[in-house]
Amino acid sequence: MTAPTIAAGSKSLADELGLPLIKYTQRAGKPLFDMVLERQDGRLQLRDLRENAPGPIHVDFLDDAAAWRRETTGKRDMLARAVGIKQGVERPLVLDATAGLGRDAFTLCWLGCRVIAFERNFIVYKLLEDGVFRAFESDDEAGDAVRRRLVVGRADAREYLAGLAPDARPDVVYLDPMFPERKKTAAVKKEMQYLQALLGEEEDAAALFEAALKFARKRVFVKRPLHAPPLAAAKPSNVHEGKSVRFDVYVIAPH
């Protein structure tokens, strides 16, 4: 990619987001903004300029960390069990209604599910979109999985679900509402720090949950902190627990 193309793309992104395009991030040693979106090594990343901030974040479905997740993810994985993957049964169509940086959406895609992933926040969505575009250009298995089974969009999942014809509704809806900030001395995981700063806590998680229960064909599952109460105080049909999080599963009765 040539420098003029990068500059043009940056200008287009700035216009799309309604944000200023700047050359320098500091003046007299002081940051001009709290955070910046920047192009680095061919990828879009978000950098926090404030003191003691963690390093930048980006979306990459092809890096070493993603490769490790692919190698260690199987049919008995907690996420696979929560979505309802079974031997000899067609993989479900999954709506990831709160996609964030797309890690779980990609894992579900890698497991063979067809995935529609929505993210409402424009900044987070652009990071996710950039990761998907770069994966599209790859010729390895991960890129092939993304091309064939993952669609991302910026939308309110409630409006999307309400507008679907009955036979177009997803088999499964997955919710990962933003957790409240943990009151611990240990640093919150880097990606979570950024998402909490950008998104805060999901204020309409309960309403999204009710919509998911109404429109999912087979099940809804929700990621929760291990010791947190169920979302909207709804008792799950079953629970899959990990070391720090769990998945509450709600099986939809046939109708």
C-alpha atoms as a PDB file:
ATOM      1  CA  MET A   1       0.000   0.000   0.000  1.00  0.00           C
ATOM      2  CA  THR A   2       1.467   3.343  -1.005  1.00  0.00           C
ATOM      3  CA  ALA A   3       1.712   6.344   1.289  1.00  0.00           C
ATOM      4  CA  PRO A   4      -0.845   8.403  -0.704  1.00  0.00           C
ATOM      5  CA  THR A   5      -3.322   5.502  -0.451  1.00  0.00           C
ATOM      6  CA  ILE A   6      -2.789   5.309   3.312  1.00  0.00           C
ATOM      7  CA  ALA A   7      -3.272   9.063   3.627  1.00  0.00           C
ATOM      8  CA  ALA A   8      -6.444   8.950   1.551  1.00  0.00           C
ATOM      9  CA  GLY A   9      -7.780   6.043   3.590  1.00  0.00           C
ATOM     10  CA  SER A  10      -7.015   7.863   6.835  1.00  0.00           C
ATOM     11  CA  LYS A  11      -8.803  10.987   5.605  1.00  0.00           C
ATOM     12  CA  SER A  12     -11.798   8.915   4.555  1.00  0.00           C
ATOM     13  CA  LEU A  13     -11.923   7.191   7.958  1.00  0.00           C
ATOM     14  CA  ALA A  14     -11.646  10.515   9.799  1.00  0.00           C
ATOM     15  CA  ASP A  15     -14.530  11.902   7.746  1.00  0.00           C
ATOM     16  CA  GLU A  16     -16.617   8.780   8.355  1.00  0.00           C
ATOM     17  CA  LEU A  17     -16.064   8.956  12.120  1.00  0.00           C
ATOM     18  CA  GLY A  18     -16.374  12.735  12.327  1.00  0.00           C
ATOM     19  CA  LEU A  19     -12.955  12.964  13.993  1.00  0.00           C
ATOM     20  CA  PRO A  20      -9.976  15.218  13.241  1.00  0.00           C
ATOM     21  CA  LEU A  21      -7.073  13.869  11.196  1.00  0.00           C
ATOM     22  CA  ILE A  22      -3.831  14.809  12.942  1.00  0.00           C
ATOM     23  CA  LYS A  23      -0.145  14.325  12.275  1.00  0.00           C
ATOM     24  CA  TYR A  24       1.184  14.733  15.801  1.00  0.00           C
ATOM     25  CA  THR A  25      -0.336  13.317  18.978  1.00  0.00           C
ATOM     26  CA  GLN A  26       1.608  15.422  21.482  1.00  0.00           C
ATOM     27  CA  ARG A  27       2.532  19.040  22.035  1.00  0.00           C
ATOM     28  CA  ALA A  28       5.188  20.060  24.572  1.00  0.00           C
ATOM     29  CA  GLY A  29       5.231  16.456  25.779  1.00  0.00           C
ATOM     30  CA  LYS A  30       1.519  16.425  26.565  1.00  0.00           C
ATOM     31  CA  PRO A  31      -1.005  14.315  24.620  1.00  0.00           C
ATOM     32  CA  LEU A  32      -3.517  16.290  22.592  1.00  0.00           C
ATOM     33  CA  PHE A  33      -6.185  13.596  22.988  1.00  0.00           C
ATOM     34  CA  ASP A  34      -6.921  10.681  25.317  1.00  0.00           C
ATOM     35  CA  MET A  35      -6.976   8.142  22.483  1.00  0.00           C
ATOM     36  CA  VAL A  36      -6.151   7.995  18.788  1.00  0.00           C
ATOM     37  CA  LEU A  37      -6.896   5.621  15.941  1.00  0.00           C
ATOM     38  CA  GLU A  38      -3.778   5.028  13.875  1.00  0.00           C
ATOM     39  CA  ARG A  39      -2.414   2.903  11.061  1.00  0.00           C
ATOM     40  CA  GLN A  40       0.567   0.815  12.126  1.00  0.00           C
ATOM     41  CA  ASP A  41       2.146  -2.084  10.227  1.00  0.00           C
ATOM     42  CA  GLY A  42      -0.796  -2.231   7.852  1.00  0.00           C
ATOM     43  CA  ARG A  43      -3.478  -2.482  10.525  1.00  0.00           C
ATOM     44  CA  LEU A  44      -5.842  -0.108  12.282  1.00  0.00           C
ATOM     45  CA  GLN A  45      -5.230   0.177  16.021  1.00  0.00           C
ATOM     46  CA  LEU A  46      -6.471   2.206  18.963  1.00  0.00           C
ATOM     47  CA  ARG A  47      -3.860   3.776  21.232  1.00  0.00           C
ATOM     48  CA  ASP A  48      -4.453   5.296  24.661  1.00  0.00           C
ATOM     49  CA  LEU A  49      -2.137   8.277  25.099  1.00  0.00           C
ATOM     50  CA  ARG A  50      -2.748   8.812  28.796  1.00  0.00           C
ATOM     51  CA  GLU A  51      -0.105   8.142  31.423  1.00  0.00           C
ATOM     52  CA  ASN A  52       0.352   4.493  32.448  1.00  0.00           C
ATOM     53  CA  ALA A  53      -2.070   3.353  29.730  1.00  0.00           C
ATOM     54  CA  PRO A  54      -1.686  -0.128  28.230  1.00  0.00           C
ATOM     55  CA  GLY A  55      -0.355  -0.605  24.720  1.00  0.00           C
ATOM     56  CA  PRO A  56      -2.562  -0.271  21.641  1.00  0.00           C
ATOM     57  CA  ILE A  57      -5.222  -2.795  20.648  1.00  0.00           C
ATOM     58  CA  HIS A  58      -6.195  -4.111  17.231  1.00  0.00           C
ATOM     59  CA  VAL A  59      -8.074  -7.083  15.774  1.00  0.00           C
ATOM     60  CA  ASP A  60      -6.055  -9.878  14.190  1.00  0.00           C
ATOM     61  CA  PHE A  61      -7.511 -13.294  13.405  1.00  0.00           C
ATOM     62  CA  LEU A  62      -4.208 -14.493  11.944  1.00  0.00           C
ATOM     63  CA  ASP A  63      -1.573 -13.736  14.610  1.00  0.00           C
ATOM     64  CA  ASP A  64       0.108 -16.209  16.963  1.00  0.00           C
ATOM     65  CA  ALA A  65      -2.480 -15.717  19.710  1.00  0.00           C
ATOM     66  CA  ALA A  66      -5.310 -16.462  17.282  1.00  0.00           C
ATOM     67  CA  ALA A  67      -3.423 -19.499  15.972  1.00  0.00           C
ATOM     68  CA  TRP A  68      -3.066 -20.818  19.524  1.00  0.00           C
ATOM     69  CA  ARG A  69      -6.797 -20.389  20.120  1.00  0.00           C
ATOM     70  CA  ARG A  70      -7.543 -22.299  16.916  1.00  0.00           C
ATOM     71  CA  GLU A  71      -5.278 -25.150  17.938  1.00  0.00           C
ATOM     72  CA  THR A  72      -6.788 -25.418  21.434  1.00  0.00           C
ATOM     73  CA  THR A  73     -10.448 -24.961  20.495  1.00  0.00           C
ATOM     74  CA  GLY A  74     -12.431 -28.147  20.006  1.00  0.00           C
ATOM     75  CA  LYS A  75     -15.923 -29.557  20.211  1.00  0.00           C
ATOM     76  CA  ARG A  76     -15.664 -29.913  23.998  1.00  0.00           C
ATOM     77  CA  ASP A  77     -14.601 -26.299  24.416  1.00  0.00           C
ATOM     78  CA  MET A  78     -16.870 -24.353  26.785  1.00  0.00           C
ATOM     79  CA  LEU A  79     -17.992 -22.043  23.995  1.00  0.00           C
ATOM     80  CA  ALA A  80     -18.742 -25.003  21.714  1.00  0.00           C
ATOM     81  CA  ARG A  81     -20.873 -26.628  24.397  1.00  0.00           C
ATOM     82  CA  ALA A  82     -22.695 -23.373  25.130  1.00  0.00           C
ATOM     83  CA  VAL A  83     -23.647 -22.824  21.480  1.00  0.00           C
ATOM     84  CA  GLY A  84     -24.872 -26.417  21.245  1.00  0.00           C
ATOM     85  CA  ILE A  85     -22.406 -28.032  18.826  1.00  0.00           C
ATOM     86  CA  LYS A  86     -23.047 -31.769  18.591  1.00  0.00           C
ATOM     87  CA  GLN A  87     -21.554 -34.545  16.505  1.00  0.00           C
ATOM     88  CA  GLY A  88     -23.520 -35.171  13.339  1.00  0.00           C
ATOM     89  CA  VAL A  89     -25.732 -32.090  13.784  1.00  0.00           C
ATOM     90  CA  GLU A  90     -25.558 -29.130  11.397  1.00  0.00           C
ATOM     91  CA  ARG A  91     -23.751 -26.157  12.881  1.00  0.00           C
ATOM     92  CA  PRO A  92     -26.156 -23.390  13.913  1.00  0.00           C
ATOM     93  CA  LEU A  93     -26.552 -19.899  12.530  1.00  0.00           C
ATOM     94  CA  VAL A  94     -25.392 -17.632  15.377  1.00  0.00           C
ATOM     95  CA  LEU A  95     -26.061 -13.960  15.932  1.00  0.00           C
ATOM     96  CA  ASP A  96     -23.333 -12.436  18.102  1.00  0.00           C
ATOM     97  CA  ALA A  97     -25.277  -9.380  19.226  1.00  0.00           C
ATOM     98  CA  THR A  98     -22.413  -7.728  21.135  1.00  0.00           C
ATOM     99  CA  ALA A  99     -19.362  -8.623  19.076  1.00  0.00           C
ATOM    100  CA  GLY A 100     -16.762  -6.250  20.557  1.00  0.00           C
ATOM    101  CA  LEU A 101     -13.365  -7.149  19.080  1.00  0.00           C
ATOM    102  CA  GLY A 102     -14.761 -10.348  17.576  1.00  0.00           C
ATOM    103  CA  ARG A 103     -12.773 -12.990  19.433  1.00  0.00           C
ATOM    104  CA  ASP A 104     -15.741 -15.210  20.279  1.00  0.00           C
ATOM    105  CA  ALA A 105     -17.351 -14.592  16.891  1.00  0.00           C
ATOM    106  CA  PHE A 106     -14.203 -15.855  15.196  1.00  0.00           C
ATOM    107  CA  THR A 107     -13.975 -18.891  17.495  1.00  0.00           C
ATOM    108  CA  LEU A 108     -17.577 -19.823  16.664  1.00  0.00           C
ATOM    109  CA  CYS A 109     -16.788 -19.332  12.985  1.00  0.00           C
ATOM    110  CA  TRP A 110     -13.720 -21.559  13.336  1.00  0.00           C
ATOM    111  CA  LEU A 111     -15.899 -24.222  14.987  1.00  0.00           C
ATOM    112  CA  GLY A 112     -18.019 -24.299  11.828  1.00  0.00           C
ATOM    113  CA  CYS A 113     -20.909 -22.034  12.802  1.00  0.00           C
ATOM    114  CA  ARG A 114     -22.217 -19.394  10.444  1.00  0.00           C
ATOM    115  CA  VAL A 115     -21.916 -16.159  12.378  1.00  0.00           C
ATOM    116  CA  ILE A 116     -23.447 -12.710  12.026  1.00  0.00           C
ATOM    117  CA  ALA A 117     -21.593 -10.353  14.378  1.00  0.00           C
ATOM    118  CA  PHE A 118     -22.934  -6.909  15.288  1.00  0.00           C
ATOM    119  CA  GLU A 119     -21.147  -4.118  17.118  1.00  0.00           C
ATOM    120  CA  ARG A 120     -22.865  -0.781  17.763  1.00  0.00           C
ATOM    121  CA  ASN A 121     -19.890   1.359  18.794  1.00  0.00           C
ATOM    122  CA  PHE A 122     -18.380   2.917  15.669  1.00  0.00           C
ATOM    123  CA  ILE A 123     -14.747   2.884  16.887  1.00  0.00           C
ATOM    124  CA  VAL A 124     -14.868  -0.749  18.021  1.00  0.00           C
ATOM    125  CA  TYR A 125     -16.675  -1.732  14.827  1.00  0.00           C
ATOM    126  CA  LYS A 126     -13.986  -0.132  12.630  1.00  0.00           C
ATOM    127  CA  LEU A 127     -11.309  -2.137  14.475  1.00  0.00           C
ATOM    128  CA  LEU A 128     -13.342  -5.315  13.950  1.00  0.00           C
ATOM    129  CA  GLU A 129     -13.994  -4.508  10.301  1.00  0.00           C
ATOM    130  CA  ASP A 130     -10.280  -3.910   9.716  1.00  0.00           C
ATOM    131  CA  GLY A 131      -9.411  -7.305  11.201  1.00  0.00           C
ATOM    132  CA  VAL A 132     -12.010  -9.012   8.998  1.00  0.00           C
ATOM    133  CA  PHE A 133     -10.756  -7.258   5.847  1.00  0.00           C
ATOM    134  CA  ARG A 134      -7.192  -8.359   6.531  1.00  0.00           C
ATOM    135  CA  ALA A 135      -8.351 -11.929   7.184  1.00  0.00           C
ATOM    136  CA  PHE A 136     -10.233 -11.853   3.863  1.00  0.00           C
ATOM    137  CA  GLU A 137      -6.932 -11.278   2.096  1.00  0.00           C
ATOM    138  CA  SER A 138      -5.266 -14.303   3.721  1.00  0.00           C
ATOM    139  CA  ASP A 139      -5.033 -17.657   1.961  1.00  0.00           C
ATOM    140  CA  ASP A 140      -4.750 -19.809   5.118  1.00  0.00           C
ATOM    141  CA  GLU A 141      -7.498 -21.801   6.856  1.00  0.00           C
ATOM    142  CA  ALA A 142      -8.418 -18.971   9.224  1.00  0.00           C
ATOM    143  CA  GLY A 143      -8.947 -16.564   6.360  1.00  0.00           C
ATOM    144  CA  ASP A 144     -11.048 -19.145   4.541  1.00  0.00           C
ATOM    145  CA  ALA A 145     -13.247 -19.637   7.614  1.00  0.00           C
ATOM    146  CA  VAL A 146     -13.807 -15.883   7.921  1.00  0.00           C
ATOM    147  CA  ARG A 147     -14.667 -15.510   4.236  1.00  0.00           C
ATOM    148  CA  ARG A 148     -17.143 -18.394   4.240  1.00  0.00           C
ATOM    149  CA  ARG A 149     -18.801 -18.108   7.628  1.00  0.00           C
ATOM    150  CA  LEU A 150     -18.421 -14.647   9.215  1.00  0.00           C
ATOM    151  CA  VAL A 151     -20.372 -11.489   8.454  1.00  0.00           C
ATOM    152  CA  VAL A 152     -19.892  -8.336  10.529  1.00  0.00           C
ATOM    153  CA  GLY A 153     -22.023  -5.216  10.684  1.00  0.00           C
ATOM    154  CA  ARG A 154     -22.702  -2.119  12.722  1.00  0.00           C
ATOM    155  CA  ALA A 155     -26.286  -2.338  13.923  1.00  0.00           C
ATOM    156  CA  ASP A 156     -28.588  -2.561  16.906  1.00  0.00           C
ATOM    157  CA  ALA A 157     -29.301  -6.285  17.225  1.00  0.00           C
ATOM    158  CA  ARG A 158     -32.763  -5.647  18.656  1.00  0.00           C
ATOM    159  CA  GLU A 159     -33.858  -3.765  15.539  1.00  0.00           C
ATOM    160  CA  TYR A 160     -32.279  -6.394  13.297  1.00  0.00           C
ATOM    161  CA  LEU A 161     -34.037  -9.276  15.067  1.00  0.00           C
ATOM    162  CA  ALA A 162     -37.409  -7.528  15.087  1.00  0.00           C
ATOM    163  CA  GLY A 163     -37.209  -6.988  11.325  1.00  0.00           C
ATOM    164  CA  LEU A 164     -36.467 -10.606  10.385  1.00  0.00           C
ATOM    165  CA  ALA A 165     -38.990 -12.961   8.839  1.00  0.00           C
ATOM    166  CA  PRO A 166     -39.603 -16.010  11.074  1.00  0.00           C
ATOM    167  CA  ASP A 167     -37.693 -18.374   8.782  1.00  0.00           C
ATOM    168  CA  ALA A 168     -34.663 -16.021   8.714  1.00  0.00           C
ATOM    169  CA  ARG A 169     -34.183 -15.828  12.461  1.00  0.00           C
ATOM    170  CA  PRO A 170     -30.887 -17.139  13.903  1.00  0.00           C
ATOM    171  CA  ASP A 171     -30.757 -20.499  15.613  1.00  0.00           C
ATOM    172  CA  VAL A 172     -28.725 -19.022  18.470  1.00  0.00           C
ATOM    173  CA  VAL A 173     -28.194 -15.550  19.892  1.00  0.00           C
ATOM    174  CA  TYR A 174     -25.027 -14.886  21.895  1.00  0.00           C
ATOM    175  CA  LEU A 175     -24.724 -11.987  24.334  1.00  0.00           C
ATOM    176  CA  ASP A 176     -21.560 -10.755  26.000  1.00  0.00           C
ATOM    177  CA  PRO A 177     -22.740  -7.602  27.822  1.00  0.00           C
ATOM    178  CA  MET A 178     -20.028  -5.327  29.180  1.00  0.00           C
ATOM    179  CA  PHE A 179     -19.054  -6.341  32.697  1.00  0.00           C
ATOM    180  CA  PRO A 180     -18.828  -3.692  35.412  1.00  0.00           C
ATOM    181  CA  GLU A 181     -15.223  -2.749  36.151  1.00  0.00           C
ATOM    182  CA  ARG A 182     -13.687  -5.208  38.579  1.00  0.00           C
ATOM    183  CA  LYS A 183     -12.669  -3.857  41.973  1.00  0.00           C
ATOM    184  CA  LYS A 184      -9.312  -5.590  42.144  1.00  0.00           C
ATOM    185  CA  THR A 185      -5.736  -4.436  42.477  1.00  0.00           C
ATOM    186  CA  ALA A 186      -4.621  -6.497  39.487  1.00  0.00           C
ATOM    187  CA  ALA A 187      -4.904  -4.654  36.189  1.00  0.00           C
ATOM    188  CA  VAL A 188      -7.980  -5.419  34.139  1.00  0.00           C
ATOM    189  CA  LYS A 189      -7.096  -7.164  30.875  1.00  0.00           C
ATOM    190  CA  LYS A 190      -5.895  -4.655  28.281  1.00  0.00           C
ATOM    191  CA  GLU A 191      -8.721  -5.147  25.793  1.00  0.00           C
ATOM    192  CA  MET A 192     -11.290  -4.833  28.582  1.00  0.00           C
ATOM    193  CA  GLN A 193      -9.767  -1.552  29.741  1.00  0.00           C
ATOM    194  CA  TYR A 194     -10.254  -0.088  26.280  1.00  0.00           C
ATOM    195  CA  LEU A 195     -13.787  -1.432  25.903  1.00  0.00           C
ATOM    196  CA  GLN A 196     -14.795  -0.150  29.329  1.00  0.00           C
ATOM    197  CA  ALA A 197     -13.410   3.278  28.459  1.00  0.00           C
ATOM    198  CA  LEU A 198     -15.262   3.367  25.133  1.00  0.00           C
ATOM    199  CA  LEU A 199     -18.493   1.589  25.992  1.00  0.00           C
ATOM    200  CA  GLY A 200     -19.009   1.643  29.736  1.00  0.00           C
ATOM    201  CA  GLU A 201     -21.477  -0.880  31.123  1.00  0.00           C
ATOM    202  CA  GLU A 202     -24.276  -2.107  28.869  1.00  0.00           C
ATOM    203  CA  GLU A 203     -27.329  -0.231  30.134  1.00  0.00           C
ATOM    204  CA  ASP A 204     -29.803  -2.005  27.855  1.00  0.00           C
ATOM    205  CA  ALA A 205     -28.478  -5.548  28.298  1.00  0.00           C
ATOM    206  CA  ALA A 206     -31.749  -6.725  29.838  1.00  0.00           C
ATOM    207  CA  ALA A 207     -33.789  -5.386  26.901  1.00  0.00           C
ATOM    208  CA  LEU A 208     -31.426  -7.038  24.422  1.00  0.00           C
ATOM    209  CA  PHE A 209     -31.720 -10.282  26.375  1.00  0.00           C
ATOM    210  CA  GLU A 210     -35.524 -10.163  26.178  1.00  0.00           C
ATOM    211  CA  ALA A 211     -35.344  -9.593  22.416  1.00  0.00           C
ATOM    212  CA  ALA A 212     -32.934 -12.510  22.054  1.00  0.00           C
ATOM    213  CA  LEU A 213     -35.288 -14.826  23.940  1.00  0.00           C
ATOM    214  CA  LYS A 214     -38.176 -13.705  21.737  1.00  0.00           C
ATOM    215  CA  PHE A 215     -36.487 -14.144  18.369  1.00  0.00           C
ATOM    216  CA  ALA A 216     -33.866 -16.917  18.725  1.00  0.00           C
ATOM    217  CA  ARG A 217     -35.068 -20.208  17.287  1.00  0.00           C
ATOM    218  CA  LYS A 218     -33.204 -22.637  19.560  1.00  0.00           C
ATOM    219  CA  ARG A 219     -31.201 -20.998  22.329  1.00  0.00           C
ATOM    220  CA  VAL A 220     -29.674 -17.890  23.845  1.00  0.00           C
ATOM    221  CA  PHE A 221     -26.435 -17.949  25.777  1.00  0.00           C
ATOM    222  CA  VAL A 222     -24.869 -15.200  27.840  1.00  0.00           C
ATOM    223  CA  LYS A 223     -21.288 -14.691  29.048  1.00  0.00           C
ATOM    224  CA  ARG A 224     -21.168 -13.680  32.706  1.00  0.00           C
ATOM    225  CA  PRO A 225     -18.477 -13.214  35.353  1.00  0.00           C
ATOM    226  CA  LEU A 226     -18.209 -16.479  37.252  1.00  0.00           C
ATOM    227  CA  HIS A 227     -19.891 -15.269  40.451  1.00  0.00           C
ATOM    228  CA  ALA A 228     -22.258 -12.671  38.985  1.00  0.00           C
ATOM    229  CA  PRO A 229     -26.032 -13.151  39.113  1.00  0.00           C
ATOM    230  CA  PRO A 230     -27.780 -14.255  35.906  1.00  0.00           C
ATOM    231  CA  LEU A 231     -28.664 -11.480  33.488  1.00  0.00           C
ATOM    232  CA  ALA A 232     -32.101 -10.033  34.281  1.00  0.00           C
ATOM    233  CA  ALA A 233     -32.324 -12.548  37.156  1.00  0.00           C
ATOM    234  CA  ALA A 234     -33.426 -15.204  34.644  1.00  0.00           C
ATOM    235  CA  LYS A 235     -32.635 -18.776  35.646  1.00  0.00           C
ATOM    236  CA  PRO A 236     -30.695 -20.521  32.857  1.00  0.00           C
ATOM    237  CA  SER A 237     -31.512 -23.962  31.497  1.00  0.00           C
ATOM    238  CA  ASN A 238     -27.882 -24.990  32.059  1.00  0.00           C
ATOM    239  CA  VAL A 239     -24.522 -23.411  32.839  1.00  0.00           C
ATOM    240  CA  HIS A 240     -20.972 -23.997  31.567  1.00  0.00           C
ATOM    241  CA  GLU A 241     -18.341 -22.686  33.973  1.00  0.00           C
ATOM    242  CA  GLY A 242     -14.716 -21.738  33.354  1.00  0.00           C
ATOM    243  CA  LYS A 243     -12.075 -20.293  35.666  1.00  0.00           C
ATOM    244  CA  SER A 244     -13.289 -16.699  35.557  1.00  0.00           C
ATOM    245  CA  VAL A 245     -16.410 -16.633  33.376  1.00  0.00           C
ATOM    246  CA  ARG A 246     -19.384 -18.832  32.667  1.00  0.00           C
ATOM    247  CA  PHE A 247     -21.974 -19.226  29.925  1.00  0.00           C
ATOM    248  CA  ASP A 248     -25.627 -19.223  30.976  1.00  0.00           C
ATOM    249  CA  VAL A 249     -27.684 -21.134  28.388  1.00  0.00           C
ATOM    250  CA  TYR A 250     -31.400 -20.601  27.814  1.00  0.00           C
ATOM    251  CA  VAL A 251     -33.024 -23.271  25.647  1.00  0.00           C
ATOM    252  CA  ILE A 252     -36.017 -22.056  23.653  1.00  0.00           C
ATOM    253  CA  ALA A 253     -39.090 -24.278  23.798  1.00  0.00           C
ATOM    254  CA  PRO A 254     -40.370 -25.349  20.349  1.00  0.00           C
ATOM    255  CA  HIS A 255     -43.353 -23.332  19.152  1.00  0.00           C
END
